[in-house]
Amino acid sequence: MKRYPGPRTYNQVRVPRKYTPGKPRFSIYWTWSYPWEANRDVTELDNRFSTMTEVRRVAWPEYETLEYSAKMFLQGIAGTLELFHLGLIRFQQAVDEITGQPVAVYQRIDQAGQKQQLDHGVLDDTDTLMVFGLDHMVTEQEAAPEEIEAVRDFLAREGTRLILGPHHDVGATNDLKQRAMEYAHHGDALVPSQQRFGRYTRSLMKGLGLPVENRWGLHPATIQGTTTLQPLITSNDLDTRGWLEGVKTFNFHAHLPHYAVTTDDPKVIHVLARQPIDLSHPHPFTEAGNRDFNMFLWMPPVAERAGDILFADSTIFTTLFGGDECLDRFWKNIATR
């Protein structure tokens, strides 16, 4: 895996980045408590990440190399969390090359138990904030009122952008037959019958009054015999900023959230891309007559909010699940529009 040429740092206080017009400063905020996720009881089946041992078993022989061995890599749940960090490196490199600004990565509670709220300390040297909602709801992460106010202040600044990525919500029911249907639909042995994500992001969206909910975990339709997604269904007439210019698909992930719009006002939020669903296995969402789900949404600036708000799953910004020139083009659009 290609890495940054310079030395790596960890648990350091960042030096603020200087504002440069046309060179946005990106910050990524993982909403999880790393210790609470990593310390989950592995005998519990639901609402936890897989251990690295489980990943190796399911993905065998993909991770049977020295760099992922016990000599070099964490083997419990913590190892799986580190895969998400590693999966960001190519995106960080791409944005750094385009903007000349390093991409900062924050965790709500990091490996050392140090808590970093989403406050002005993070936001003052940020132009594009990416909030990745991969906290399991059972870990009780909530956006505090002062965090919501800080993000509101951030969005009042010209040239800002908030990208929200609440993840999937699988098995949000006590009906085991429905859970079994959802499990068979997405087909990923690493996802339990119930895996509910994004309490922090949900609370942030509610506090900001954003009319979107992350629902389900839907298996996208692919070109037969490949993991290449079928082309996005795009609303080019609404994409006046050109977010999806030159972008036909995103990368494959077996269980993606449907970003349900909860307002009837078409001016508030634009659904710019929908993804066809794999219909080979039934799902409650498709049984209700749906054949695609909302994949990429945009809320243009309005009134006192000068910044853009986008909704896109965090997996679109990692290479854990593949990537191609369309993904590179999307990243470039995000960094330059």
C-alpha atoms as a PDB file:
ATOM      1  CA  MET A   1       0.000   0.000   0.000  1.00  0.00           C
ATOM      2  CA  LYS A   2       1.400   3.369  -1.009  1.00  0.00           C
ATOM      3  CA  ARG A   3       1.959   5.685   1.939  1.00  0.00           C
ATOM      4  CA  TYR A   4       2.882   9.294   2.572  1.00  0.00           C
ATOM      5  CA  PRO A   5       6.628   9.828   2.039  1.00  0.00           C
ATOM      6  CA  GLY A   6       7.080  11.624   5.384  1.00  0.00           C
ATOM      7  CA  PRO A   7       7.155  10.148   8.899  1.00  0.00           C
ATOM      8  CA  ARG A   8       3.897   9.216  10.621  1.00  0.00           C
ATOM      9  CA  THR A   9       2.684  10.937  13.776  1.00  0.00           C
ATOM     10  CA  TYR A  10       0.183   9.847  16.404  1.00  0.00           C
ATOM     11  CA  ASN A  11      -1.444  11.513  19.391  1.00  0.00           C
ATOM     12  CA  GLN A  12       0.052  14.892  18.580  1.00  0.00           C
ATOM     13  CA  VAL A  13      -1.482  18.360  18.851  1.00  0.00           C
ATOM     14  CA  ARG A  14      -1.892  19.647  15.297  1.00  0.00           C
ATOM     15  CA  VAL A  15      -0.320  22.849  14.067  1.00  0.00           C
ATOM     16  CA  PRO A  16      -3.130  24.951  12.493  1.00  0.00           C
ATOM     17  CA  ARG A  17      -3.154  25.002   8.695  1.00  0.00           C
ATOM     18  CA  LYS A  18      -2.997  28.351   6.962  1.00  0.00           C
ATOM     19  CA  TYR A  19      -6.016  29.397   4.916  1.00  0.00           C
ATOM     20  CA  THR A  20      -5.297  29.647   1.185  1.00  0.00           C
ATOM     21  CA  PRO A  21      -8.074  30.721  -1.215  1.00  0.00           C
ATOM     22  CA  GLY A  22      -9.013  27.869  -3.542  1.00  0.00           C
ATOM     23  CA  LYS A  23      -7.063  25.330  -1.449  1.00  0.00           C
ATOM     24  CA  PRO A  24      -9.603  23.916   1.008  1.00  0.00           C
ATOM     25  CA  ARG A  25      -8.433  22.341   4.243  1.00  0.00           C
ATOM     26  CA  PHE A  26     -10.084  18.929   4.765  1.00  0.00           C
ATOM     27  CA  SER A  27     -10.729  17.376   8.178  1.00  0.00           C
ATOM     28  CA  ILE A  28     -12.133  13.896   8.792  1.00  0.00           C
ATOM     29  CA  TYR A  29     -13.964  13.189  12.042  1.00  0.00           C
ATOM     30  CA  TRP A  30     -14.534   9.566  13.056  1.00  0.00           C
ATOM     31  CA  THR A  31     -17.494   9.668  15.425  1.00  0.00           C
ATOM     32  CA  TRP A  32     -16.599   6.541  17.359  1.00  0.00           C
ATOM     33  CA  SER A  33     -15.132   5.896  20.766  1.00  0.00           C
ATOM     34  CA  TYR A  34     -12.195   3.746  19.677  1.00  0.00           C
ATOM     35  CA  PRO A  35     -11.807   2.073  23.113  1.00  0.00           C
ATOM     36  CA  TRP A  36     -15.522   1.340  23.488  1.00  0.00           C
ATOM     37  CA  GLU A  37     -15.650  -0.224  20.022  1.00  0.00           C
ATOM     38  CA  ALA A  38     -12.389  -2.148  20.433  1.00  0.00           C
ATOM     39  CA  ASN A  39     -13.322  -3.432  23.885  1.00  0.00           C
ATOM     40  CA  ARG A  40     -16.717  -4.842  22.917  1.00  0.00           C
ATOM     41  CA  ASP A  41     -17.385  -8.391  24.079  1.00  0.00           C
ATOM     42  CA  VAL A  42     -16.605 -10.597  21.071  1.00  0.00           C
ATOM     43  CA  THR A  43     -19.060 -13.210  22.304  1.00  0.00           C
ATOM     44  CA  GLU A  44     -21.841 -10.733  21.481  1.00  0.00           C
ATOM     45  CA  LEU A  45     -23.091 -11.357  17.963  1.00  0.00           C
ATOM     46  CA  ASP A  46     -24.712  -8.013  17.190  1.00  0.00           C
ATOM     47  CA  ASN A  47     -23.789  -4.327  17.075  1.00  0.00           C
ATOM     48  CA  ARG A  48     -20.034  -4.641  17.025  1.00  0.00           C
ATOM     49  CA  PHE A  49     -17.224  -4.611  14.487  1.00  0.00           C
ATOM     50  CA  SER A  50     -15.613  -7.865  13.423  1.00  0.00           C
ATOM     51  CA  THR A  51     -12.304  -8.882  14.904  1.00  0.00           C
ATOM     52  CA  MET A  52      -9.324  -8.992  12.581  1.00  0.00           C
ATOM     53  CA  THR A  53      -9.371 -12.782  12.997  1.00  0.00           C
ATOM     54  CA  GLU A  54     -12.937 -12.871  11.668  1.00  0.00           C
ATOM     55  CA  VAL A  55     -11.955 -10.602   8.775  1.00  0.00           C
ATOM     56  CA  ARG A  56      -9.054 -12.884   7.896  1.00  0.00           C
ATOM     57  CA  ARG A  57     -11.286 -15.958   7.995  1.00  0.00           C
ATOM     58  CA  VAL A  58     -13.992 -14.490   5.758  1.00  0.00           C
ATOM     59  CA  ALA A  59     -11.604 -12.741   3.349  1.00  0.00           C
ATOM     60  CA  TRP A  60      -9.013 -15.550   3.272  1.00  0.00           C
ATOM     61  CA  PRO A  61      -6.350 -15.459   1.887  1.00  0.00           C
ATOM     62  CA  GLU A  62      -6.415 -11.682   1.344  1.00  0.00           C
ATOM     63  CA  TYR A  63      -4.867 -10.748   4.707  1.00  0.00           C
ATOM     64  CA  GLU A  64      -2.479 -13.689   5.048  1.00  0.00           C
ATOM     65  CA  THR A  65       0.645 -11.539   4.707  1.00  0.00           C
ATOM     66  CA  LEU A  66       3.318 -10.400   7.145  1.00  0.00           C
ATOM     67  CA  GLU A  67       1.943  -6.853   7.404  1.00  0.00           C
ATOM     68  CA  TYR A  68      -1.337  -8.195   8.841  1.00  0.00           C
ATOM     69  CA  SER A  69       0.224 -10.876  11.049  1.00  0.00           C
ATOM     70  CA  ALA A  70       0.301 -10.773  14.842  1.00  0.00           C
ATOM     71  CA  LYS A  71       3.899  -9.514  14.591  1.00  0.00           C
ATOM     72  CA  MET A  72       2.791  -6.367  12.777  1.00  0.00           C
ATOM     73  CA  PHE A  73      -0.928  -5.788  13.218  1.00  0.00           C
ATOM     74  CA  LEU A  74      -3.623  -5.810  15.900  1.00  0.00           C
ATOM     75  CA  GLN A  75      -5.745  -8.957  15.660  1.00  0.00           C
ATOM     76  CA  GLY A  76      -8.867  -8.039  17.621  1.00  0.00           C
ATOM     77  CA  ILE A  77     -11.574  -5.486  16.857  1.00  0.00           C
ATOM     78  CA  ALA A  78      -8.888  -2.809  17.063  1.00  0.00           C
ATOM     79  CA  GLY A  79      -7.219  -4.263  13.978  1.00  0.00           C
ATOM     80  CA  THR A  80     -10.428  -3.872  11.993  1.00  0.00           C
ATOM     81  CA  LEU A  81     -10.724  -0.244  13.103  1.00  0.00           C
ATOM     82  CA  GLU A  82      -7.183   0.351  11.868  1.00  0.00           C
ATOM     83  CA  LEU A  83      -8.205  -0.941   8.438  1.00  0.00           C
ATOM     84  CA  PHE A  84     -10.524   2.060   8.145  1.00  0.00           C
ATOM     85  CA  HIS A  85      -7.612   4.388   8.877  1.00  0.00           C
ATOM     86  CA  LEU A  86      -5.429   2.646   6.291  1.00  0.00           C
ATOM     87  CA  GLY A  87      -8.241   2.774   3.762  1.00  0.00           C
ATOM     88  CA  LEU A  88      -8.223   6.578   3.915  1.00  0.00           C
ATOM     89  CA  ILE A  89      -4.600   7.000   2.864  1.00  0.00           C
ATOM     90  CA  ARG A  90      -5.212   7.167  -0.878  1.00  0.00           C
ATOM     91  CA  PHE A  91      -7.958   9.766  -0.398  1.00  0.00           C
ATOM     92  CA  GLN A  92      -5.668  11.795   1.870  1.00  0.00           C
ATOM     93  CA  GLN A  93      -2.909  11.663  -0.711  1.00  0.00           C
ATOM     94  CA  ALA A  94      -5.244  12.673  -3.535  1.00  0.00           C
ATOM     95  CA  VAL A  95      -6.622  15.677  -1.662  1.00  0.00           C
ATOM     96  CA  ASP A  96      -3.151  16.708  -0.486  1.00  0.00           C
ATOM     97  CA  GLU A  97      -1.897  16.688  -4.074  1.00  0.00           C
ATOM     98  CA  ILE A  98      -4.854  18.771  -5.272  1.00  0.00           C
ATOM     99  CA  THR A  99      -4.998  21.303  -2.449  1.00  0.00           C
ATOM    100  CA  GLY A 100      -1.461  21.367  -1.089  1.00  0.00           C
ATOM    101  CA  GLN A 101      -3.024  20.915   2.363  1.00  0.00           C
ATOM    102  CA  PRO A 102      -2.633  17.806   4.562  1.00  0.00           C
ATOM    103  CA  VAL A 103      -5.878  16.080   5.505  1.00  0.00           C
ATOM    104  CA  ALA A 104      -6.419  16.055   9.267  1.00  0.00           C
ATOM    105  CA  VAL A 105      -8.006  12.989  10.866  1.00  0.00           C
ATOM    106  CA  TYR A 106      -9.700  13.174  14.259  1.00  0.00           C
ATOM    107  CA  GLN A 107     -11.407  10.564  16.432  1.00  0.00           C
ATOM    108  CA  ARG A 108     -14.079  11.452  18.956  1.00  0.00           C
ATOM    109  CA  ILE A 109     -12.265   9.269  21.490  1.00  0.00           C
ATOM    110  CA  ASP A 110      -8.927   7.902  20.309  1.00  0.00           C
ATOM    111  CA  GLN A 111      -6.823   4.844  21.163  1.00  0.00           C
ATOM    112  CA  ALA A 112      -5.329   6.645  24.171  1.00  0.00           C
ATOM    113  CA  GLY A 113      -8.764   7.566  25.505  1.00  0.00           C
ATOM    114  CA  GLN A 114      -8.369  11.235  24.593  1.00  0.00           C
ATOM    115  CA  LYS A 115     -11.680  12.880  23.692  1.00  0.00           C
ATOM    116  CA  GLN A 116     -11.843  15.422  20.871  1.00  0.00           C
ATOM    117  CA  GLN A 117     -15.175  17.137  20.586  1.00  0.00           C
ATOM    118  CA  LEU A 118     -16.218  18.659  17.303  1.00  0.00           C
ATOM    119  CA  ASP A 119     -15.457  22.212  18.384  1.00  0.00           C
ATOM    120  CA  HIS A 120     -13.834  25.379  17.095  1.00  0.00           C
ATOM    121  CA  GLY A 121     -10.401  23.867  17.740  1.00  0.00           C
ATOM    122  CA  VAL A 122     -11.130  21.438  14.921  1.00  0.00           C
ATOM    123  CA  LEU A 123     -13.244  23.735  12.775  1.00  0.00           C
ATOM    124  CA  ASP A 124     -11.240  26.972  12.758  1.00  0.00           C
ATOM    125  CA  ASP A 125      -8.638  25.566  10.344  1.00  0.00           C
ATOM    126  CA  THR A 126     -11.130  23.440   8.382  1.00  0.00           C
ATOM    127  CA  ASP A 127     -12.982  24.314   5.181  1.00  0.00           C
ATOM    128  CA  THR A 128     -14.386  20.867   4.341  1.00  0.00           C
ATOM    129  CA  LEU A 129     -15.520  18.808   7.322  1.00  0.00           C
ATOM    130  CA  MET A 130     -16.224  15.102   6.792  1.00  0.00           C
ATOM    131  CA  VAL A 131     -18.182  13.417   9.585  1.00  0.00           C
ATOM    132  CA  PHE A 132     -18.051   9.628   9.266  1.00  0.00           C
ATOM    133  CA  GLY A 133     -20.778   8.031  11.396  1.00  0.00           C
ATOM    134  CA  LEU A 134     -19.287   4.637  12.162  1.00  0.00           C
ATOM    135  CA  ASP A 135     -20.141   4.638  15.862  1.00  0.00           C
ATOM    136  CA  HIS A 136     -22.405   1.798  16.902  1.00  0.00           C
ATOM    137  CA  MET A 137     -25.533   3.223  18.491  1.00  0.00           C
ATOM    138  CA  VAL A 138     -25.012   1.117  21.619  1.00  0.00           C
ATOM    139  CA  THR A 139     -21.859   3.117  22.433  1.00  0.00           C
ATOM    140  CA  GLU A 140     -24.032   6.162  23.156  1.00  0.00           C
ATOM    141  CA  GLN A 141     -22.140   8.836  21.209  1.00  0.00           C
ATOM    142  CA  GLU A 142     -24.199  12.041  21.030  1.00  0.00           C
ATOM    143  CA  ALA A 143     -23.436  15.490  19.626  1.00  0.00           C
ATOM    144  CA  ALA A 144     -23.427  17.970  22.508  1.00  0.00           C
ATOM    145  CA  PRO A 145     -25.318  21.266  22.113  1.00  0.00           C
ATOM    146  CA  GLU A 146     -22.039  23.190  21.927  1.00  0.00           C
ATOM    147  CA  GLU A 147     -20.851  20.928  19.087  1.00  0.00           C
ATOM    148  CA  ILE A 148     -24.023  21.518  17.108  1.00  0.00           C
ATOM    149  CA  GLU A 149     -23.623  25.260  17.616  1.00  0.00           C
ATOM    150  CA  ALA A 150     -19.948  25.102  16.555  1.00  0.00           C
ATOM    151  CA  VAL A 151     -20.894  23.315  13.311  1.00  0.00           C
ATOM    152  CA  ARG A 152     -23.656  25.856  12.698  1.00  0.00           C
ATOM    153  CA  ASP A 153     -21.090  28.655  13.126  1.00  0.00           C
ATOM    154  CA  PHE A 154     -18.739  26.799  10.781  1.00  0.00           C
ATOM    155  CA  LEU A 155     -21.403  26.616   8.063  1.00  0.00           C
ATOM    156  CA  ALA A 156     -22.060  30.345   8.340  1.00  0.00           C
ATOM    157  CA  ARG A 157     -18.570  30.909   6.941  1.00  0.00           C
ATOM    158  CA  GLU A 158     -18.174  31.349   3.172  1.00  0.00           C
ATOM    159  CA  GLY A 159     -16.439  28.505   1.354  1.00  0.00           C
ATOM    160  CA  THR A 160     -17.247  25.789   3.880  1.00  0.00           C
ATOM    161  CA  ARG A 161     -18.635  22.330   3.257  1.00  0.00           C
ATOM    162  CA  LEU A 162     -20.033  19.644   5.545  1.00  0.00           C
ATOM    163  CA  ILE A 163     -20.002  16.066   4.245  1.00  0.00           C
ATOM    164  CA  LEU A 164     -22.063  13.713   6.398  1.00  0.00           C
ATOM    165  CA  GLY A 165     -21.665   9.949   6.141  1.00  0.00           C
ATOM    166  CA  PRO A 166     -24.062   8.166   8.495  1.00  0.00           C
ATOM    167  CA  HIS A 167     -23.525   4.471   7.821  1.00  0.00           C
ATOM    168  CA  HIS A 168     -25.991   1.616   7.401  1.00  0.00           C
ATOM    169  CA  ASP A 169     -28.755   0.587   9.804  1.00  0.00           C
ATOM    170  CA  VAL A 170     -29.114  -3.178   9.473  1.00  0.00           C
ATOM    171  CA  GLY A 171     -31.697  -5.180  11.417  1.00  0.00           C
ATOM    172  CA  ALA A 172     -33.485  -2.285  13.110  1.00  0.00           C
ATOM    173  CA  THR A 173     -36.239  -4.604  14.339  1.00  0.00           C
ATOM    174  CA  ASN A 174     -36.841  -7.414  16.818  1.00  0.00           C
ATOM    175  CA  ASP A 175     -38.412  -9.494  14.036  1.00  0.00           C
ATOM    176  CA  LEU A 176     -35.810 -12.198  13.390  1.00  0.00           C
ATOM    177  CA  LYS A 177     -37.449 -13.223  10.102  1.00  0.00           C
ATOM    178  CA  GLN A 178     -36.963  -9.706   8.760  1.00  0.00           C
ATOM    179  CA  ARG A 179     -33.395  -9.644  10.042  1.00  0.00           C
ATOM    180  CA  ALA A 180     -32.765 -12.931   8.247  1.00  0.00           C
ATOM    181  CA  MET A 181     -34.147 -11.428   5.036  1.00  0.00           C
ATOM    182  CA  GLU A 182     -31.869  -8.398   5.351  1.00  0.00           C
ATOM    183  CA  TYR A 183     -28.864 -10.621   6.104  1.00  0.00           C
ATOM    184  CA  ALA A 184     -29.486 -12.813   3.057  1.00  0.00           C
ATOM    185  CA  HIS A 185     -29.964  -9.696   0.913  1.00  0.00           C
ATOM    186  CA  HIS A 186     -26.619  -8.041   1.648  1.00  0.00           C
ATOM    187  CA  GLY A 187     -24.752 -11.361   1.880  1.00  0.00           C
ATOM    188  CA  ASP A 188     -21.824 -10.167   4.001  1.00  0.00           C
ATOM    189  CA  ALA A 189     -20.837 -12.735   6.627  1.00  0.00           C
ATOM    190  CA  LEU A 190     -18.994 -10.020   8.592  1.00  0.00           C
ATOM    191  CA  VAL A 191     -22.169  -8.027   9.230  1.00  0.00           C
ATOM    192  CA  PRO A 192     -24.340  -9.409  12.047  1.00  0.00           C
ATOM    193  CA  SER A 193     -28.119  -9.658  11.991  1.00  0.00           C
ATOM    194  CA  GLN A 194     -28.298  -6.272  13.718  1.00  0.00           C
ATOM    195  CA  GLN A 195     -25.707  -3.558  13.178  1.00  0.00           C
ATOM    196  CA  ARG A 196     -27.023  -0.082  13.863  1.00  0.00           C
ATOM    197  CA  PHE A 197     -24.669   2.818  13.211  1.00  0.00           C
ATOM    198  CA  GLY A 198     -24.592   6.549  13.530  1.00  0.00           C
ATOM    199  CA  ARG A 199     -26.097   7.799  16.768  1.00  0.00           C
ATOM    200  CA  TYR A 200     -23.679  10.724  16.831  1.00  0.00           C
ATOM    201  CA  THR A 201     -24.344  11.729  13.230  1.00  0.00           C
ATOM    202  CA  ARG A 202     -28.087  11.312  13.701  1.00  0.00           C
ATOM    203  CA  SER A 203     -28.009  13.638  16.699  1.00  0.00           C
ATOM    204  CA  LEU A 204     -25.904  16.175  14.772  1.00  0.00           C
ATOM    205  CA  MET A 205     -28.330  16.083  11.836  1.00  0.00           C
ATOM    206  CA  LYS A 206     -31.293  16.491  14.173  1.00  0.00           C
ATOM    207  CA  GLY A 207     -29.629  19.415  15.940  1.00  0.00           C
ATOM    208  CA  LEU A 208     -28.930  21.139  12.630  1.00  0.00           C
ATOM    209  CA  GLY A 209     -32.460  20.437  11.392  1.00  0.00           C
ATOM    210  CA  LEU A 210     -31.353  18.359   8.390  1.00  0.00           C
ATOM    211  CA  PRO A 211     -34.235  16.336   6.855  1.00  0.00           C
ATOM    212  CA  VAL A 212     -32.368  13.066   6.226  1.00  0.00           C
ATOM    213  CA  GLU A 213     -32.334   9.654   7.927  1.00  0.00           C
ATOM    214  CA  ASN A 214     -29.975   6.759   7.227  1.00  0.00           C
ATOM    215  CA  ARG A 215     -31.973   3.561   6.790  1.00  0.00           C
ATOM    216  CA  TRP A 216     -31.301  -0.080   5.878  1.00  0.00           C
ATOM    217  CA  GLY A 217     -28.190  -1.694   4.458  1.00  0.00           C
ATOM    218  CA  LEU A 218     -28.857  -2.319   0.783  1.00  0.00           C
ATOM    219  CA  HIS A 219     -26.831  -4.413  -1.633  1.00  0.00           C
ATOM    220  CA  PRO A 220     -26.173  -2.355  -4.784  1.00  0.00           C
ATOM    221  CA  ALA A 221     -26.694  -3.859  -8.223  1.00  0.00           C
ATOM    222  CA  THR A 222     -23.470  -4.755 -10.042  1.00  0.00           C
ATOM    223  CA  ILE A 223     -22.508  -5.687 -13.567  1.00  0.00           C
ATOM    224  CA  GLN A 224     -22.917  -9.442 -13.732  1.00  0.00           C
ATOM    225  CA  GLY A 225     -19.844 -11.371 -12.651  1.00  0.00           C
ATOM    226  CA  THR A 226     -18.045  -8.300 -11.256  1.00  0.00           C
ATOM    227  CA  THR A 227     -18.082  -5.956  -8.269  1.00  0.00           C
ATOM    228  CA  THR A 228     -18.437  -2.944 -10.570  1.00  0.00           C
ATOM    229  CA  LEU A 229     -21.599  -1.080  -9.707  1.00  0.00           C
ATOM    230  CA  GLN A 230     -24.291  -0.484 -12.248  1.00  0.00           C
ATOM    231  CA  PRO A 231     -24.264   3.202 -13.258  1.00  0.00           C
ATOM    232  CA  LEU A 232     -25.738   5.771 -10.920  1.00  0.00           C
ATOM    233  CA  ILE A 233     -29.110   7.264 -11.754  1.00  0.00           C
ATOM    234  CA  THR A 234     -28.242  10.943 -11.679  1.00  0.00           C
ATOM    235  CA  SER A 235     -30.225  14.176 -11.658  1.00  0.00           C
ATOM    236  CA  ASN A 236     -27.869  16.285 -13.749  1.00  0.00           C
ATOM    237  CA  ASP A 237     -30.297  19.199 -13.943  1.00  0.00           C
ATOM    238  CA  LEU A 238     -30.065  19.595 -10.158  1.00  0.00           C
ATOM    239  CA  ASP A 239     -26.282  19.226 -10.029  1.00  0.00           C
ATOM    240  CA  THR A 240     -25.514  22.851 -10.851  1.00  0.00           C
ATOM    241  CA  ARG A 241     -22.205  22.708  -8.985  1.00  0.00           C
ATOM    242  CA  GLY A 242     -20.937  19.728 -10.972  1.00  0.00           C
ATOM    243  CA  TRP A 243     -20.290  17.405  -8.029  1.00  0.00           C
ATOM    244  CA  LEU A 244     -20.818  14.354 -10.234  1.00  0.00           C
ATOM    245  CA  GLU A 245     -19.252  15.641 -13.437  1.00  0.00           C
ATOM    246  CA  GLY A 246     -17.435  12.720 -15.063  1.00  0.00           C
ATOM    247  CA  VAL A 247     -18.643  10.288 -12.350  1.00  0.00           C
ATOM    248  CA  LYS A 248     -20.639   7.262 -13.518  1.00  0.00           C
ATOM    249  CA  THR A 249     -20.312   5.005 -10.465  1.00  0.00           C
ATOM    250  CA  PHE A 250     -18.960   4.828  -6.934  1.00  0.00           C
ATOM    251  CA  ASN A 251     -17.108   1.860  -5.460  1.00  0.00           C
ATOM    252  CA  PHE A 252     -18.763  -1.366  -4.357  1.00  0.00           C
ATOM    253  CA  HIS A 253     -19.901  -1.975  -0.795  1.00  0.00           C
ATOM    254  CA  ALA A 254     -22.257  -4.811   0.121  1.00  0.00           C
ATOM    255  CA  HIS A 255     -24.595  -2.849   2.409  1.00  0.00           C
ATOM    256  CA  LEU A 256     -25.163   0.822   1.802  1.00  0.00           C
ATOM    257  CA  PRO A 257     -27.579   3.163   3.578  1.00  0.00           C
ATOM    258  CA  HIS A 258     -30.600   4.691   1.940  1.00  0.00           C
ATOM    259  CA  TYR A 259     -30.583   8.416   2.734  1.00  0.00           C
ATOM    260  CA  ALA A 260     -34.295   8.948   3.181  1.00  0.00           C
ATOM    261  CA  VAL A 261     -35.475  12.540   2.700  1.00  0.00           C
ATOM    262  CA  THR A 262     -38.013  13.526   5.346  1.00  0.00           C
ATOM    263  CA  THR A 263     -39.253  16.799   3.860  1.00  0.00           C
ATOM    264  CA  ASP A 264     -41.647  17.420   0.983  1.00  0.00           C
ATOM    265  CA  ASP A 265     -39.974  20.706   0.020  1.00  0.00           C
ATOM    266  CA  PRO A 266     -37.935  19.966  -3.158  1.00  0.00           C
ATOM    267  CA  LYS A 267     -35.892  23.154  -2.750  1.00  0.00           C
ATOM    268  CA  VAL A 268     -34.343  22.129   0.565  1.00  0.00           C
ATOM    269  CA  ILE A 269     -32.377  19.088  -0.577  1.00  0.00           C
ATOM    270  CA  HIS A 270     -31.453  17.597  -3.948  1.00  0.00           C
ATOM    271  CA  VAL A 271     -31.083  13.858  -4.512  1.00  0.00           C
ATOM    272  CA  LEU A 272     -28.284  13.935  -7.075  1.00  0.00           C
ATOM    273  CA  ALA A 273     -27.632  10.191  -7.374  1.00  0.00           C
ATOM    274  CA  ARG A 274     -29.572   7.004  -6.780  1.00  0.00           C
ATOM    275  CA  GLN A 275     -28.122   3.505  -6.909  1.00  0.00           C
ATOM    276  CA  PRO A 276     -29.961   0.507  -8.428  1.00  0.00           C
ATOM    277  CA  ILE A 277     -30.506  -2.324  -5.940  1.00  0.00           C
ATOM    278  CA  ASP A 278     -29.532  -5.962  -6.411  1.00  0.00           C
ATOM    279  CA  LEU A 279     -32.901  -7.686  -6.692  1.00  0.00           C
ATOM    280  CA  SER A 280     -31.615 -11.261  -6.585  1.00  0.00           C
ATOM    281  CA  HIS A 281     -32.503 -11.498  -2.886  1.00  0.00           C
ATOM    282  CA  PRO A 282     -35.603  -9.866  -1.382  1.00  0.00           C
ATOM    283  CA  HIS A 283     -35.490  -7.023   1.126  1.00  0.00           C
ATOM    284  CA  PRO A 284     -38.300  -5.133   2.904  1.00  0.00           C
ATOM    285  CA  PHE A 285     -37.331  -1.985   0.984  1.00  0.00           C
ATOM    286  CA  THR A 286     -37.649  -3.660  -2.418  1.00  0.00           C
ATOM    287  CA  GLU A 287     -40.780  -5.549  -1.405  1.00  0.00           C
ATOM    288  CA  ALA A 288     -42.310  -2.110  -0.832  1.00  0.00           C
ATOM    289  CA  GLY A 289     -41.700  -1.419  -4.538  1.00  0.00           C
ATOM    290  CA  ASN A 290     -38.349   0.371  -4.448  1.00  0.00           C
ATOM    291  CA  ARG A 291     -35.747  -0.452  -7.082  1.00  0.00           C
ATOM    292  CA  ASP A 292     -33.036   2.067  -6.151  1.00  0.00           C
ATOM    293  CA  PHE A 293     -31.916   4.058  -3.105  1.00  0.00           C
ATOM    294  CA  ASN A 294     -30.649   7.567  -2.429  1.00  0.00           C
ATOM    295  CA  MET A 295     -26.848   7.555  -2.640  1.00  0.00           C
ATOM    296  CA  PHE A 296     -25.660  11.175  -2.873  1.00  0.00           C
ATOM    297  CA  LEU A 297     -27.526  14.274  -1.680  1.00  0.00           C
ATOM    298  CA  TRP A 298     -26.814  18.016  -1.682  1.00  0.00           C
ATOM    299  CA  MET A 299     -28.223  20.864   0.381  1.00  0.00           C
ATOM    300  CA  PRO A 300     -27.134  24.142  -1.292  1.00  0.00           C
ATOM    301  CA  PRO A 301     -26.462  27.242   0.841  1.00  0.00           C
ATOM    302  CA  VAL A 302     -29.553  29.032   2.073  1.00  0.00           C
ATOM    303  CA  ALA A 303     -30.258  32.060   4.292  1.00  0.00           C
ATOM    304  CA  GLU A 304     -27.583  32.279   7.030  1.00  0.00           C
ATOM    305  CA  ARG A 305     -25.955  28.995   6.005  1.00  0.00           C
ATOM    306  CA  ALA A 306     -23.206  29.871   3.530  1.00  0.00           C
ATOM    307  CA  GLY A 307     -21.764  26.359   3.367  1.00  0.00           C
ATOM    308  CA  ASP A 308     -22.819  23.324   1.346  1.00  0.00           C
ATOM    309  CA  ILE A 309     -24.035  20.139   2.997  1.00  0.00           C
ATOM    310  CA  LEU A 310     -23.500  16.797   1.241  1.00  0.00           C
ATOM    311  CA  PHE A 311     -24.526  13.255   2.170  1.00  0.00           C
ATOM    312  CA  ALA A 312     -22.286  10.400   1.005  1.00  0.00           C
ATOM    313  CA  ASP A 313     -21.348   7.142   2.696  1.00  0.00           C
ATOM    314  CA  SER A 314     -17.873   6.986   4.231  1.00  0.00           C
ATOM    315  CA  THR A 315     -16.986   3.925   2.132  1.00  0.00           C
ATOM    316  CA  ILE A 316     -16.893   6.170  -0.964  1.00  0.00           C
ATOM    317  CA  PHE A 317     -13.796   7.814   0.484  1.00  0.00           C
ATOM    318  CA  THR A 318     -11.828   4.678   1.314  1.00  0.00           C
ATOM    319  CA  THR A 319     -10.124   2.037  -0.804  1.00  0.00           C
ATOM    320  CA  LEU A 320     -11.067  -0.867   1.471  1.00  0.00           C
ATOM    321  CA  PHE A 321     -13.720  -1.821  -1.058  1.00  0.00           C
ATOM    322  CA  GLY A 322     -11.951  -0.905  -4.281  1.00  0.00           C
ATOM    323  CA  GLY A 323     -11.760   2.180  -6.425  1.00  0.00           C
ATOM    324  CA  ASP A 324     -11.260   3.370  -9.990  1.00  0.00           C
ATOM    325  CA  GLU A 325     -10.975   6.511 -12.114  1.00  0.00           C
ATOM    326  CA  CYS A 326     -14.595   7.485 -11.361  1.00  0.00           C
ATOM    327  CA  LEU A 327     -13.793   7.558  -7.663  1.00  0.00           C
ATOM    328  CA  ASP A 328     -10.663   9.620  -8.324  1.00  0.00           C
ATOM    329  CA  ARG A 329     -12.736  12.054 -10.366  1.00  0.00           C
ATOM    330  CA  PHE A 330     -15.335  12.328  -7.602  1.00  0.00           C
ATOM    331  CA  TRP A 331     -12.638  13.118  -5.046  1.00  0.00           C
ATOM    332  CA  LYS A 332     -11.229  15.777  -7.352  1.00  0.00           C
ATOM    333  CA  ASN A 333     -14.690  17.312  -7.766  1.00  0.00           C
ATOM    334  CA  ILE A 334     -15.178  17.414  -4.002  1.00  0.00           C
ATOM    335  CA  ALA A 335     -11.820  19.124  -3.572  1.00  0.00           C
ATOM    336  CA  THR A 336     -12.225  21.716  -6.316  1.00  0.00           C
ATOM    337  CA  ARG A 337     -15.913  22.635  -6.613  1.00  0.00           C
END
